[in-house]
């Protein structure tokens, strides 16, 4: 997803405006972001649901709701922003990357705390 964000930003900034209207300038970064998202979402969802195996249906519904509500709110914010649509999409991708990176860092800290507790 970060690679798609970077590609979209570089495409808007570095490529001349005559070439920017070509469909590949937009679709290659978006396809890269979607491919990255496809590899991430399965394991992320299973890790999120792992502690709640006794309530998997409710937990899965909550994960789906949070994903859809977060995507809708970020989409509305991007739509309401006064910047160019390609830059708005790249900013939404960047926010998604930063949120995923923050969640990864938080899970590593939590893992370290659990390992210290188990060693005692």
PDB file of N, CA and C in Angstrom:
ATOM      1  N   UNK A   1       0.824  -1.182   0.000  1.00  0.00           N
ATOM      2  CA  UNK A   1       0.000   0.000   0.000  1.00  0.00           C
ATOM      3  C   UNK A   1       0.870   1.249   0.000  1.00  0.00           C
ATOM      4  N   UNK A   2       1.969   1.171   0.736  1.00  0.00           N
ATOM      5  CA  UNK A   2       2.896   2.299   0.753  1.00  0.00           C
ATOM      6  C   UNK A   2       3.532   2.520  -0.603  1.00  0.00           C
ATOM      7  N   UNK A   3       3.815   1.423  -1.301  1.00  0.00           N
ATOM      8  CA  UNK A   3       4.393   1.528  -2.640  1.00  0.00           C
ATOM      9  C   UNK A   3       3.404   2.182  -3.605  1.00  0.00           C
ATOM     10  N   UNK A   4       2.136   1.833  -3.491  1.00  0.00           N
ATOM     11  CA  UNK A   4       1.119   2.467  -4.330  1.00  0.00           C
ATOM     12  C   UNK A   4       0.974   3.943  -4.029  1.00  0.00           C
ATOM     13  N   UNK A   5       1.031   4.292  -2.746  1.00  0.00           N
ATOM     14  CA  UNK A   5       0.953   5.705  -2.348  1.00  0.00           C
ATOM     15  C   UNK A   5       2.132   6.479  -2.910  1.00  0.00           C
ATOM     16  N   UNK A   6       3.317   5.909  -2.758  1.00  0.00           N
ATOM     17  CA  UNK A   6       4.519   6.564  -3.276  1.00  0.00           C
ATOM     18  C   UNK A   6       4.454   6.707  -4.793  1.00  0.00           C
ATOM     19  N   UNK A   7       4.003   5.655  -5.488  1.00  0.00           N
ATOM     20  CA  UNK A   7       3.883   5.721  -6.942  1.00  0.00           C
ATOM     21  C   UNK A   7       2.890   6.768  -7.404  1.00  0.00           C
ATOM     22  N   UNK A   8       1.776   6.879  -6.686  1.00  0.00           N
ATOM     23  CA  UNK A   8       0.767   7.872  -7.062  1.00  0.00           C
ATOM     24  C   UNK A   8       1.266   9.290  -6.832  1.00  0.00           C
ATOM     25  N   UNK A   9       1.931   9.518  -5.711  1.00  0.00           N
ATOM     26  CA  UNK A   9       2.471  10.855  -5.436  1.00  0.00           C
ATOM     27  C   UNK A   9       3.549  11.216  -6.450  1.00  0.00           C
ATOM     28  N   UNK A  10       4.461  10.284  -6.723  1.00  0.00           N
ATOM     29  CA  UNK A  10       5.518  10.566  -7.698  1.00  0.00           C
ATOM     30  C   UNK A  10       4.946  10.770  -9.092  1.00  0.00           C
ATOM     31  N   UNK A  11       3.895  10.015  -9.428  1.00  0.00           N
ATOM     32  CA  UNK A  11       3.262  10.197 -10.729  1.00  0.00           C
ATOM     33  C   UNK A  11       2.634  11.567 -10.889  1.00  0.00           C
ATOM     34  N   UNK A  12       2.028  12.065  -9.834  1.00  0.00           N
ATOM     35  CA  UNK A  12       1.395  13.384  -9.895  1.00  0.00           C
ATOM     36  C   UNK A  12       2.445  14.487  -9.918  1.00  0.00           C
ATOM     37  N   UNK A  13       3.511  14.304  -9.158  1.00  0.00           N
ATOM     38  CA  UNK A  13       4.513  15.363  -9.024  1.00  0.00           C
ATOM     39  C   UNK A  13       5.500  15.376 -10.190  1.00  0.00           C
ATOM     40  N   UNK A  14       5.965  14.206 -10.625  1.00  0.00           N
ATOM     41  CA  UNK A  14       7.063  14.153 -11.593  1.00  0.00           C
ATOM     42  C   UNK A  14       6.638  13.999 -13.050  1.00  0.00           C
ATOM     43  N   UNK A  15       5.518  13.377 -13.300  1.00  0.00           N
ATOM     44  CA  UNK A  15       5.107  13.113 -14.683  1.00  0.00           C
ATOM     45  C   UNK A  15       4.397  14.347 -15.240  1.00  0.00           C
ATOM     46  N   UNK A  16       4.713  14.729 -16.468  1.00  0.00           N
ATOM     47  CA  UNK A  16       4.049  15.901 -17.073  1.00  0.00           C
ATOM     48  C   UNK A  16       2.533  15.714 -17.160  1.00  0.00           C
ATOM     49  N   UNK A  17       1.820  16.812 -17.147  1.00  0.00           N
ATOM     50  CA  UNK A  17       0.356  16.756 -17.120  1.00  0.00           C
ATOM     51  C   UNK A  17      -0.242  16.133 -18.378  1.00  0.00           C
ATOM     52  N   UNK A  18       0.471  16.176 -19.495  1.00  0.00           N
ATOM     53  CA  UNK A  18      -0.055  15.560 -20.721  1.00  0.00           C
ATOM     54  C   UNK A  18      -0.116  14.038 -20.575  1.00  0.00           C
ATOM     55  N   UNK A  19       0.818  13.469 -19.840  1.00  0.00           N
ATOM     56  CA  UNK A  19       0.872  12.015 -19.682  1.00  0.00           C
ATOM     57  C   UNK A  19       0.017  11.561 -18.500  1.00  0.00           C
ATOM     58  N   UNK A  20      -0.264  12.431 -17.558  1.00  0.00           N
ATOM     59  CA  UNK A  20      -1.006  12.046 -16.353  1.00  0.00           C
ATOM     60  C   UNK A  20      -2.417  11.558 -16.646  1.00  0.00           C
ATOM     61  N   UNK A  21      -2.966  11.913 -17.782  1.00  0.00           N
ATOM     62  CA  UNK A  21      -4.322  11.469 -18.104  1.00  0.00           C
ATOM     63  C   UNK A  21      -4.359  10.025 -18.601  1.00  0.00           C
ATOM     64  N   UNK A  22      -3.201   9.414 -18.835  1.00  0.00           N
ATOM     65  CA  UNK A  22      -3.165   8.014 -19.265  1.00  0.00           C
ATOM     66  C   UNK A  22      -3.599   7.126 -18.102  1.00  0.00           C
ATOM     67  N   UNK A  23      -4.354   6.083 -18.407  1.00  0.00           N
ATOM     68  CA  UNK A  23      -4.936   5.256 -17.355  1.00  0.00           C
ATOM     69  C   UNK A  23      -3.895   4.495 -16.545  1.00  0.00           C
ATOM     70  N   UNK A  24      -2.741   4.171 -17.123  1.00  0.00           N
ATOM     71  CA  UNK A  24      -1.724   3.420 -16.382  1.00  0.00           C
ATOM     72  C   UNK A  24      -1.093   4.238 -15.255  1.00  0.00           C
ATOM     73  N   UNK A  25      -1.019   5.541 -15.428  1.00  0.00           N
ATOM     74  CA  UNK A  25      -0.427   6.401 -14.400  1.00  0.00           C
ATOM     75  C   UNK A  25      -1.240   6.304 -13.113  1.00  0.00           C
ATOM     76  N   UNK A  26      -2.523   6.092 -13.246  1.00  0.00           N
ATOM     77  CA  UNK A  26      -3.389   5.972 -12.075  1.00  0.00           C
ATOM     78  C   UNK A  26      -3.541   4.517 -11.630  1.00  0.00           C
ATOM     79  N   UNK A  27      -3.711   3.613 -12.586  1.00  0.00           N
ATOM     80  CA  UNK A  27      -4.064   2.239 -12.241  1.00  0.00           C
ATOM     81  C   UNK A  27      -2.902   1.414 -11.693  1.00  0.00           C
ATOM     82  N   UNK A  28      -1.682   1.654 -12.133  1.00  0.00           N
ATOM     83  CA  UNK A  28      -0.564   0.871 -11.599  1.00  0.00           C
ATOM     84  C   UNK A  28      -0.347   1.103 -10.105  1.00  0.00           C
ATOM     85  N   UNK A  29      -0.305   2.340  -9.626  1.00  0.00           N
ATOM     86  CA  UNK A  29      -0.184   2.517  -8.169  1.00  0.00           C
ATOM     87  C   UNK A  29      -1.387   1.983  -7.391  1.00  0.00           C
ATOM     88  N   UNK A  30      -2.581   2.151  -7.931  1.00  0.00           N
ATOM     89  CA  UNK A  30      -3.767   1.653  -7.238  1.00  0.00           C
ATOM     90  C   UNK A  30      -3.763   0.125  -7.211  1.00  0.00           C
ATOM     91  N   UNK A  31      -3.368  -0.516  -8.302  1.00  0.00           N
ATOM     92  CA  UNK A  31      -3.276  -1.976  -8.327  1.00  0.00           C
ATOM     93  C   UNK A  31      -2.217  -2.469  -7.352  1.00  0.00           C
ATOM     94  N   UNK A  32      -1.109  -1.756  -7.250  1.00  0.00           N
ATOM     95  CA  UNK A  32      -0.071  -2.112  -6.284  1.00  0.00           C
ATOM     96  C   UNK A  32      -0.597  -2.009  -4.856  1.00  0.00           C
ATOM     97  N   UNK A  33      -1.335  -0.960  -4.567  1.00  0.00           N
ATOM     98  CA  UNK A  33      -1.912  -0.790  -3.231  1.00  0.00           C
ATOM     99  C   UNK A  33      -2.936  -1.884  -2.933  1.00  0.00           C
ATOM    100  N   UNK A  34      -3.755  -2.228  -3.913  1.00  0.00           N
ATOM    101  CA  UNK A  34      -4.763  -3.272  -3.711  1.00  0.00           C
ATOM    102  C   UNK A  34      -4.119  -4.639  -3.513  1.00  0.00           C
ATOM    103  N   UNK A  35      -3.041  -4.912  -4.243  1.00  0.00           N
ATOM    104  CA  UNK A  35      -2.336  -6.181  -4.062  1.00  0.00           C
ATOM    105  C   UNK A  35      -1.725  -6.257  -2.668  1.00  0.00           C
ATOM    106  N   UNK A  36      -1.131  -5.171  -2.213  1.00  0.00           N
ATOM    107  CA  UNK A  36      -0.584  -5.154  -0.861  1.00  0.00           C
ATOM    108  C   UNK A  36      -1.664  -5.336   0.183  1.00  0.00           C
ATOM    109  N   UNK A  37      -2.799  -4.713  -0.042  1.00  0.00           N
ATOM    110  CA  UNK A  37      -3.920  -4.840   0.880  1.00  0.00           C
ATOM    111  C   UNK A  37      -4.443  -6.274   0.910  1.00  0.00           C
ATOM    112  N   UNK A  38      -4.452  -6.939  -0.231  1.00  0.00           N
ATOM    113  CA  UNK A  38      -4.919  -8.321  -0.291  1.00  0.00           C
ATOM    114  C   UNK A  38      -4.011  -9.248   0.511  1.00  0.00           C
ATOM    115  N   UNK A  39      -2.714  -8.985   0.511  1.00  0.00           N
ATOM    116  CA  UNK A  39      -1.791  -9.813   1.282  1.00  0.00           C
ATOM    117  C   UNK A  39      -1.877  -9.519   2.779  1.00  0.00           C
ATOM    118  N   UNK A  40      -2.272  -8.325   3.139  1.00  0.00           N
ATOM    119  CA  UNK A  40      -2.278  -7.917   4.545  1.00  0.00           C
ATOM    120  C   UNK A  40      -3.588  -8.271   5.251  1.00  0.00           C
ATOM    121  N   UNK A  41      -4.719  -8.100   4.599  1.00  0.00           N
ATOM    122  CA  UNK A  41      -6.008  -8.162   5.285  1.00  0.00           C
ATOM    123  C   UNK A  41      -6.342  -9.535   5.869  1.00  0.00           C
ATOM    124  N   UNK A  42      -5.980 -10.610   5.217  1.00  0.00           N
ATOM    125  CA  UNK A  42      -6.275 -11.943   5.756  1.00  0.00           C
ATOM    126  C   UNK A  42      -5.586 -12.206   7.086  1.00  0.00           C
ATOM    127  N   UNK A  43      -4.248 -12.098   7.131  1.00  0.00           N
ATOM    128  CA  UNK A  43      -3.568 -12.314   8.415  1.00  0.00           C
ATOM    129  C   UNK A  43      -3.960 -11.303   9.491  1.00  0.00           C
ATOM    130  N   UNK A  44      -4.173 -10.059   9.096  1.00  0.00           N
ATOM    131  CA  UNK A  44      -4.543  -9.039  10.084  1.00  0.00           C
ATOM    132  C   UNK A  44      -5.886  -9.380  10.721  1.00  0.00           C
ATOM    133  N   UNK A  45      -6.837  -9.796   9.919  1.00  0.00           N
ATOM    134  CA  UNK A  45      -8.146 -10.146  10.459  1.00  0.00           C
ATOM    135  C   UNK A  45      -8.060 -11.366  11.363  1.00  0.00           C
ATOM    136  N   UNK A  46      -7.288 -12.373  10.965  1.00  0.00           N
ATOM    137  CA  UNK A  46      -7.171 -13.559  11.818  1.00  0.00           C
ATOM    138  C   UNK A  46      -6.451 -13.241  13.123  1.00  0.00           C
ATOM    139  N   UNK A  47      -5.440 -12.382  13.085  1.00  0.00           N
ATOM    140  CA  UNK A  47      -4.768 -11.976  14.324  1.00  0.00           C
ATOM    141  C   UNK A  47      -5.695 -11.158  15.214  1.00  0.00           C
ATOM    142  N   UNK A  48      -6.527 -10.328  14.618  1.00  0.00           N
ATOM    143  CA  UNK A  48      -7.457  -9.522  15.409  1.00  0.00           C
ATOM    144  C   UNK A  48      -8.527 -10.388  16.065  1.00  0.00           C
ATOM    145  N   UNK A  49      -8.933 -11.460  15.400  1.00  0.00           N
ATOM    146  CA  UNK A  49      -9.989 -12.320  15.932  1.00  0.00           C
ATOM    147  C   UNK A  49      -9.465 -13.419  16.850  1.00  0.00           C
ATOM    148  N   UNK A  50      -8.165 -13.644  16.871  1.00  0.00           N
ATOM    149  CA  UNK A  50      -7.585 -14.748  17.636  1.00  0.00           C
ATOM    150  C   UNK A  50      -7.945 -14.723  19.123  1.00  0.00           C
ATOM    151  N   UNK A  51      -7.870 -13.602  19.813  1.00  0.00           N
ATOM    152  CA  UNK A  51      -8.203 -13.631  21.248  1.00  0.00           C
ATOM    153  C   UNK A  51      -9.688 -13.851  21.537  1.00  0.00           C
ATOM    154  N   UNK A  52     -10.527 -13.712  20.533  1.00  0.00           N
ATOM    155  CA  UNK A  52     -11.972 -13.792  20.743  1.00  0.00           C
ATOM    156  C   UNK A  52     -12.570 -14.996  20.028  1.00  0.00           C
ATOM    157  N   UNK A  53     -11.952 -16.153  20.165  1.00  0.00           N
ATOM    158  CA  UNK A  53     -12.427 -17.331  19.440  1.00  0.00           C
ATOM    159  C   UNK A  53     -13.804 -17.780  19.920  1.00  0.00           C
ATOM    160  N   UNK A  54     -14.149 -17.511  21.176  1.00  0.00           N
ATOM    161  CA  UNK A  54     -15.462 -17.906  21.673  1.00  0.00           C
ATOM    162  C   UNK A  54     -16.581 -17.005  21.150  1.00  0.00           C
ATOM    163  N   UNK A  55     -16.219 -15.804  20.691  1.00  0.00           N
ATOM    164  CA  UNK A  55     -17.206 -14.858  20.148  1.00  0.00           C
ATOM    165  C   UNK A  55     -16.788 -14.432  18.744  1.00  0.00           C
ATOM    166  N   UNK A  56     -16.420 -15.390  17.916  1.00  0.00           N
ATOM    167  CA  UNK A  56     -15.853 -15.076  16.600  1.00  0.00           C
ATOM    168  C   UNK A  56     -16.840 -14.347  15.695  1.00  0.00           C
ATOM    169  N   UNK A  57     -18.109 -14.678  15.754  1.00  0.00           N
ATOM    170  CA  UNK A  57     -19.093 -14.021  14.891  1.00  0.00           C
ATOM    171  C   UNK A  57     -19.250 -12.551  15.211  1.00  0.00           C
ATOM    172  N   UNK A  58     -19.364 -12.244  16.496  1.00  0.00           N
ATOM    173  CA  UNK A  58     -19.504 -10.847  16.914  1.00  0.00           C
ATOM    174  C   UNK A  58     -18.226 -10.077  16.613  1.00  0.00           C
ATOM    175  N   UNK A  59     -17.080 -10.698  16.910  1.00  0.00           N
ATOM    176  CA  UNK A  59     -15.800 -10.025  16.662  1.00  0.00           C
ATOM    177  C   UNK A  59     -15.588  -9.776  15.173  1.00  0.00           C
ATOM    178  N   UNK A  60     -15.965 -10.737  14.344  1.00  0.00           N
ATOM    179  CA  UNK A  60     -15.824 -10.566  12.898  1.00  0.00           C
ATOM    180  C   UNK A  60     -16.733  -9.452  12.383  1.00  0.00           C
ATOM    181  N   UNK A  61     -17.938  -9.391  12.901  1.00  0.00           N
ATOM    182  CA  UNK A  61     -18.850  -8.315  12.501  1.00  0.00           C
ATOM    183  C   UNK A  61     -18.302  -6.956  12.922  1.00  0.00           C
ATOM    184  N   UNK A  62     -17.712  -6.885  14.108  1.00  0.00           N
ATOM    185  CA  UNK A  62     -17.149  -5.622  14.579  1.00  0.00           C
ATOM    186  C   UNK A  62     -15.953  -5.202  13.733  1.00  0.00           C
ATOM    187  N   UNK A  63     -15.095  -6.163  13.372  1.00  0.00           N
ATOM    188  CA  UNK A  63     -13.950  -5.852  12.505  1.00  0.00           C
ATOM    189  C   UNK A  63     -14.439  -5.333  11.156  1.00  0.00           C
ATOM    190  N   UNK A  64     -15.440  -5.986  10.579  1.00  0.00           N
ATOM    191  CA  UNK A  64     -15.995  -5.528   9.304  1.00  0.00           C
ATOM    192  C   UNK A  64     -16.611  -4.147   9.402  1.00  0.00           C
ATOM    193  N   UNK A  65     -17.320  -3.890  10.499  1.00  0.00           N
ATOM    194  CA  UNK A  65     -17.921  -2.567  10.688  1.00  0.00           C
ATOM    195  C   UNK A  65     -16.853  -1.492  10.792  1.00  0.00           C
ATOM    196  N   UNK A  66     -15.810  -1.756  11.568  1.00  0.00           N
ATOM    197  CA  UNK A  66     -14.741  -0.764  11.736  1.00  0.00           C
ATOM    198  C   UNK A  66     -14.037  -0.507  10.407  1.00  0.00           C
ATOM    199  N   UNK A  67     -13.802  -1.559   9.622  1.00  0.00           N
ATOM    200  CA  UNK A  67     -13.155  -1.384   8.317  1.00  0.00           C
ATOM    201  C   UNK A  67     -14.022  -0.538   7.385  1.00  0.00           C
ATOM    202  N   UNK A  68     -15.296  -0.857   7.314  1.00  0.00           N
ATOM    203  CA  UNK A  68     -16.185  -0.125   6.410  1.00  0.00           C
ATOM    204  C   UNK A  68     -16.406   1.313   6.880  1.00  0.00           C
ATOM    205  N   UNK A  69     -16.593   1.504   8.180  1.00  0.00           N
ATOM    206  CA  UNK A  69     -16.806   2.857   8.706  1.00  0.00           C
ATOM    207  C   UNK A  69     -15.547   3.701   8.548  1.00  0.00           C
ATOM    208  N   UNK A  70     -14.385   3.101   8.794  1.00  0.00           N
ATOM    209  CA  UNK A  70     -13.128   3.836   8.610  1.00  0.00           C
ATOM    210  C   UNK A  70     -12.896   4.207   7.160  1.00  0.00           C
ATOM    211  N   UNK A  71     -13.155   3.262   6.256  1.00  0.00           N
ATOM    212  CA  UNK A  71     -13.001   3.550   4.833  1.00  0.00           C
ATOM    213  C   UNK A  71     -13.974   4.609   4.346  1.00  0.00           C
ATOM    214  N   UNK A  72     -15.208   4.537   4.831  1.00  0.00           N
ATOM    215  CA  UNK A  72     -16.204   5.536   4.427  1.00  0.00           C
ATOM    216  C   UNK A  72     -15.847   6.920   4.949  1.00  0.00           C
ATOM    217  N   UNK A  73     -15.392   6.987   6.194  1.00  0.00           N
ATOM    218  CA  UNK A  73     -15.054   8.309   6.744  1.00  0.00           C
ATOM    219  C   UNK A  73     -13.825   8.893   6.063  1.00  0.00           C
ATOM    220  N   UNK A  74     -12.804   8.070   5.807  1.00  0.00           N
ATOM    221  CA  UNK A  74     -11.634   8.582   5.083  1.00  0.00           C
ATOM    222  C   UNK A  74     -12.002   8.984   3.658  1.00  0.00           C
ATOM    223  N   UNK A  75     -12.892   8.223   3.026  1.00  0.00           N
ATOM    224  CA  UNK A  75     -13.343   8.582   1.686  1.00  0.00           C
ATOM    225  C   UNK A  75     -14.099   9.900   1.656  1.00  0.00           C
ATOM    226  N   UNK A  76     -14.945  10.114   2.650  1.00  0.00           N
ATOM    227  CA  UNK A  76     -15.680  11.382   2.719  1.00  0.00           C
ATOM    228  C   UNK A  76     -14.748  12.558   2.978  1.00  0.00           C
ATOM    229  N   UNK A  77     -13.764  12.348   3.840  1.00  0.00           N
ATOM    230  CA  UNK A  77     -12.792  13.413   4.103  1.00  0.00           C
ATOM    231  C   UNK A  77     -12.014  13.738   2.833  1.00  0.00           C
ATOM    232  N   UNK A  78     -11.595  12.699   2.095  1.00  0.00           N
ATOM    233  CA  UNK A  78     -10.860  12.928   0.847  1.00  0.00           C
ATOM    234  C   UNK A  78     -11.738  13.617  -0.191  1.00  0.00           C
ATOM    235  N   UNK A  79     -13.006  13.234  -0.243  1.00  0.00           N
ATOM    236  CA  UNK A  79     -13.928  13.843  -1.200  1.00  0.00           C
ATOM    237  C   UNK A  79     -14.191  15.311  -0.876  1.00  0.00           C
ATOM    238  N   UNK A  80     -14.263  15.632   0.397  1.00  0.00           N
ATOM    239  CA  UNK A  80     -14.552  17.007   0.807  1.00  0.00           C
ATOM    240  C   UNK A  80     -13.322  17.908   0.768  1.00  0.00           C
ATOM    241  N   UNK A  81     -12.146  17.324   0.647  1.00  0.00           N
ATOM    242  CA  UNK A  81     -10.934  18.147   0.641  1.00  0.00           C
ATOM    243  C   UNK A  81     -10.807  18.910  -0.681  1.00  0.00           C
ATOM    244  N   UNK A  82     -10.213  20.086  -0.641  1.00  0.00           N
ATOM    245  CA  UNK A  82     -10.121  20.909  -1.854  1.00  0.00           C
ATOM    246  C   UNK A  82      -8.928  20.560  -2.752  1.00  0.00           C
ATOM    247  N   UNK A  83      -8.274  19.442  -2.512  1.00  0.00           N
ATOM    248  CA  UNK A  83      -7.093  19.103  -3.310  1.00  0.00           C
ATOM    249  C   UNK A  83      -7.482  18.194  -4.468  1.00  0.00           C
ATOM    250  N   UNK A  84      -6.537  18.000  -5.371  1.00  0.00           N
ATOM    251  CA  UNK A  84      -6.746  17.179  -6.564  1.00  0.00           C
ATOM    252  C   UNK A  84      -7.084  15.736  -6.160  1.00  0.00           C
ATOM    253  N   UNK A  85      -7.976  15.056  -6.884  1.00  0.00           N
ATOM    254  CA  UNK A  85      -8.409  13.709  -6.488  1.00  0.00           C
ATOM    255  C   UNK A  85      -7.275  12.691  -6.354  1.00  0.00           C
ATOM    256  N   UNK A  86      -6.286  12.731  -7.247  1.00  0.00           N
ATOM    257  CA  UNK A  86      -5.183  11.772  -7.143  1.00  0.00           C
ATOM    258  C   UNK A  86      -4.366  12.006  -5.879  1.00  0.00           C
ATOM    259  N   UNK A  87      -4.143  13.260  -5.534  1.00  0.00           N
ATOM    260  CA  UNK A  87      -3.420  13.554  -4.297  1.00  0.00           C
ATOM    261  C   UNK A  87      -4.257  13.181  -3.078  1.00  0.00           C
ATOM    262  N   UNK A  88      -5.564  13.383  -3.149  1.00  0.00           N
ATOM    263  CA  UNK A  88      -6.432  12.999  -2.035  1.00  0.00           C
ATOM    264  C   UNK A  88      -6.378  11.490  -1.816  1.00  0.00           C
ATOM    265  N   UNK A  89      -6.395  10.721  -2.909  1.00  0.00           N
ATOM    266  CA  UNK A  89      -6.295   9.272  -2.792  1.00  0.00           C
ATOM    267  C   UNK A  89      -4.951   8.860  -2.210  1.00  0.00           C
ATOM    268  N   UNK A  90      -3.885   9.503  -2.644  1.00  0.00           N
ATOM    269  CA  UNK A  90      -2.567   9.152  -2.109  1.00  0.00           C
ATOM    270  C   UNK A  90      -2.461   9.509  -0.628  1.00  0.00           C
ATOM    271  N   UNK A  91      -3.113  10.578  -0.196  1.00  0.00           N
ATOM    272  CA  UNK A  91      -3.106  10.931   1.225  1.00  0.00           C
ATOM    273  C   UNK A  91      -3.889   9.896   2.034  1.00  0.00           C
ATOM    274  N   UNK A  92      -5.011   9.429   1.503  1.00  0.00           N
ATOM    275  CA  UNK A  92      -5.775   8.381   2.182  1.00  0.00           C
ATOM    276  C   UNK A  92      -4.941   7.104   2.274  1.00  0.00           C
ATOM    277  N   UNK A  93      -4.225   6.761   1.203  1.00  0.00           N
ATOM    278  CA  UNK A  93      -3.339   5.597   1.241  1.00  0.00           C
ATOM    279  C   UNK A  93      -2.248   5.780   2.290  1.00  0.00           C
ATOM    280  N   UNK A  94      -1.688   6.969   2.354  1.00  0.00           N
ATOM    281  CA  UNK A  94      -0.643   7.257   3.334  1.00  0.00           C
ATOM    282  C   UNK A  94      -1.181   7.141   4.757  1.00  0.00           C
ATOM    283  N   UNK A  95      -2.381   7.637   5.001  1.00  0.00           N
ATOM    284  CA  UNK A  95      -2.990   7.513   6.329  1.00  0.00           C
ATOM    285  C   UNK A  95      -3.193   6.039   6.678  1.00  0.00           C
ATOM    286  N   UNK A  96      -3.637   5.244   5.713  1.00  0.00           N
ATOM    287  CA  UNK A  96      -3.794   3.809   5.941  1.00  0.00           C
ATOM    288  C   UNK A  96      -2.479   3.131   6.270  1.00  0.00           C
ATOM    289  N   UNK A  97      -1.420   3.515   5.561  1.00  0.00           N
ATOM    290  CA  UNK A  97      -0.092   2.951   5.840  1.00  0.00           C
ATOM    291  C   UNK A  97       0.381   3.325   7.235  1.00  0.00           C
ATOM    292  N   UNK A  98       0.180   4.572   7.610  1.00  0.00           N
ATOM    293  CA  UNK A  98       0.608   5.017   8.936  1.00  0.00           C
ATOM    294  C   UNK A  98      -0.191   4.332  10.042  1.00  0.00           C
ATOM    295  N   UNK A  99      -1.480   4.140   9.838  1.00  0.00           N
ATOM    296  CA  UNK A  99      -2.284   3.426  10.826  1.00  0.00           C
ATOM    297  C   UNK A  99      -1.841   1.968  10.958  1.00  0.00           C
ATOM    298  N   UNK A 100      -1.553   1.318   9.826  1.00  0.00           N
ATOM    299  CA  UNK A 100      -1.085  -0.068   9.868  1.00  0.00           C
ATOM    300  C   UNK A 100       0.275  -0.173  10.547  1.00  0.00           C
ATOM    301  N   UNK A 101       1.153   0.768  10.258  1.00  0.00           N
ATOM    302  CA  UNK A 101       2.475   0.761  10.886  1.00  0.00           C
ATOM    303  C   UNK A 101       2.360   0.986  12.393  1.00  0.00           C
ATOM    304  N   UNK A 102       1.478   1.888  12.799  1.00  0.00           N
ATOM    305  CA  UNK A 102       1.264   2.145  14.218  1.00  0.00           C
ATOM    306  C   UNK A 102       0.698   0.905  14.918  1.00  0.00           C
ATOM    307  N   UNK A 103      -0.231   0.213  14.277  1.00  0.00           N
ATOM    308  CA  UNK A 103      -0.787  -1.013  14.851  1.00  0.00           C
ATOM    309  C   UNK A 103       0.283  -2.091  14.966  1.00  0.00           C
ATOM    310  N   UNK A 104       1.164  -2.178  13.977  1.00  0.00           N
ATOM    311  CA  UNK A 104       2.255  -3.151  14.022  1.00  0.00           C
ATOM    312  C   UNK A 104       3.190  -2.859  15.191  1.00  0.00           C
ATOM    313  N   UNK A 105       3.551  -1.590  15.363  1.00  0.00           N
ATOM    314  CA  UNK A 105       4.428  -1.208  16.475  1.00  0.00           C
ATOM    315  C   UNK A 105       3.768  -1.489  17.817  1.00  0.00           C
ATOM    316  N   UNK A 106       2.477  -1.202  17.926  1.00  0.00           N
ATOM    317  CA  UNK A 106       1.761  -1.450  19.181  1.00  0.00           C
ATOM    318  C   UNK A 106       1.694  -2.941  19.484  1.00  0.00           C
ATOM    319  N   UNK A 107       1.513  -3.773  18.464  1.00  0.00           N
ATOM    320  CA  UNK A 107       1.458  -5.218  18.702  1.00  0.00           C
ATOM    321  C   UNK A 107       2.814  -5.758  19.125  1.00  0.00           C
ATOM    322  N   UNK A 108       3.892  -5.200  18.590  1.00  0.00           N
ATOM    323  CA  UNK A 108       5.229  -5.637  19.001  1.00  0.00           C
ATOM    324  C   UNK A 108       5.500  -5.258  20.456  1.00  0.00           C
ATOM    325  N   UNK A 109       5.065  -4.054  20.872  1.00  0.00           N
ATOM    326  CA  UNK A 109       5.229  -3.647  22.266  1.00  0.00           C
ATOM    327  C   UNK A 109       4.426  -4.561  23.185  1.00  0.00           C
ATOM    328  N   UNK A 110       3.207  -4.908  22.767  1.00  0.00           N
ATOM    329  CA  UNK A 110       2.360  -5.786  23.567  1.00  0.00           C
ATOM    330  C   UNK A 110       2.975  -7.177  23.667  1.00  0.00           C
ATOM    331  N   UNK A 111       3.570  -7.648  22.572  1.00  0.00           N
ATOM    332  CA  UNK A 111       4.251  -8.936  22.570  1.00  0.00           C
ATOM    333  C   UNK A 111       5.398  -8.944  23.566  1.00  0.00           C
ATOM    334  N   UNK A 112       6.154  -7.852  23.610  1.00  0.00           N
ATOM    335  CA  UNK A 112       7.273  -7.759  24.540  1.00  0.00           C
ATOM    336  C   UNK A 112       6.779  -7.765  25.982  1.00  0.00           C
ATOM    337  N   UNK A 113       5.678  -7.096  26.259  1.00  0.00           N
ATOM    338  CA  UNK A 113       5.122  -7.075  27.617  1.00  0.00           C
ATOM    339  C   UNK A 113       4.677  -8.473  28.018  1.00  0.00           C
ATOM    340  N   UNK A 114       4.001  -9.191  27.121  1.00  0.00           N
ATOM    341  CA  UNK A 114       3.552 -10.544  27.430  1.00  0.00           C
ATOM    342  C   UNK A 114       4.727 -11.486  27.648  1.00  0.00           C
ATOM    343  N   UNK A 115       5.779 -11.340  26.863  1.00  0.00           N
ATOM    344  CA  UNK A 115       6.937 -12.216  27.043  1.00  0.00           C
ATOM    345  C   UNK A 115       7.637 -11.935  28.368  1.00  0.00           C
ATOM    346  N   UNK A 116       7.666 -10.673  28.809  1.00  0.00           N
ATOM    347  CA  UNK A 116       8.252 -10.352  30.114  1.00  0.00           C
ATOM    348  C   UNK A 116       7.399 -10.916  31.247  1.00  0.00           C
ATOM    349  N   UNK A 117       6.084 -10.848  31.093  1.00  0.00           N
ATOM    350  CA  UNK A 117       5.191 -11.381  32.126  1.00  0.00           C
ATOM    351  C   UNK A 117       5.325 -12.893  32.213  1.00  0.00           C
ATOM    352  N   UNK A 118       5.416 -13.561  31.068  1.00  0.00           N
ATOM    353  CA  UNK A 118       5.538 -15.015  31.059  1.00  0.00           C
ATOM    354  C   UNK A 118       6.865 -15.484  31.630  1.00  0.00           C
ATOM    355  N   UNK A 119       7.907 -14.681  31.504  1.00  0.00           N
ATOM    356  CA  UNK A 119       9.217 -15.082  32.020  1.00  0.00           C
ATOM    357  C   UNK A 119       9.295 -14.955  33.541  1.00  0.00           C
ATOM    358  N   UNK A 120       8.377 -14.197  34.126  1.00  0.00           N
ATOM    359  CA  UNK A 120       8.383 -14.027  35.596  1.00  0.00           C
ATOM    360  C   UNK A 120       7.750 -15.178  36.257  1.00  0.00           C
TER     361      UNK A 120
END
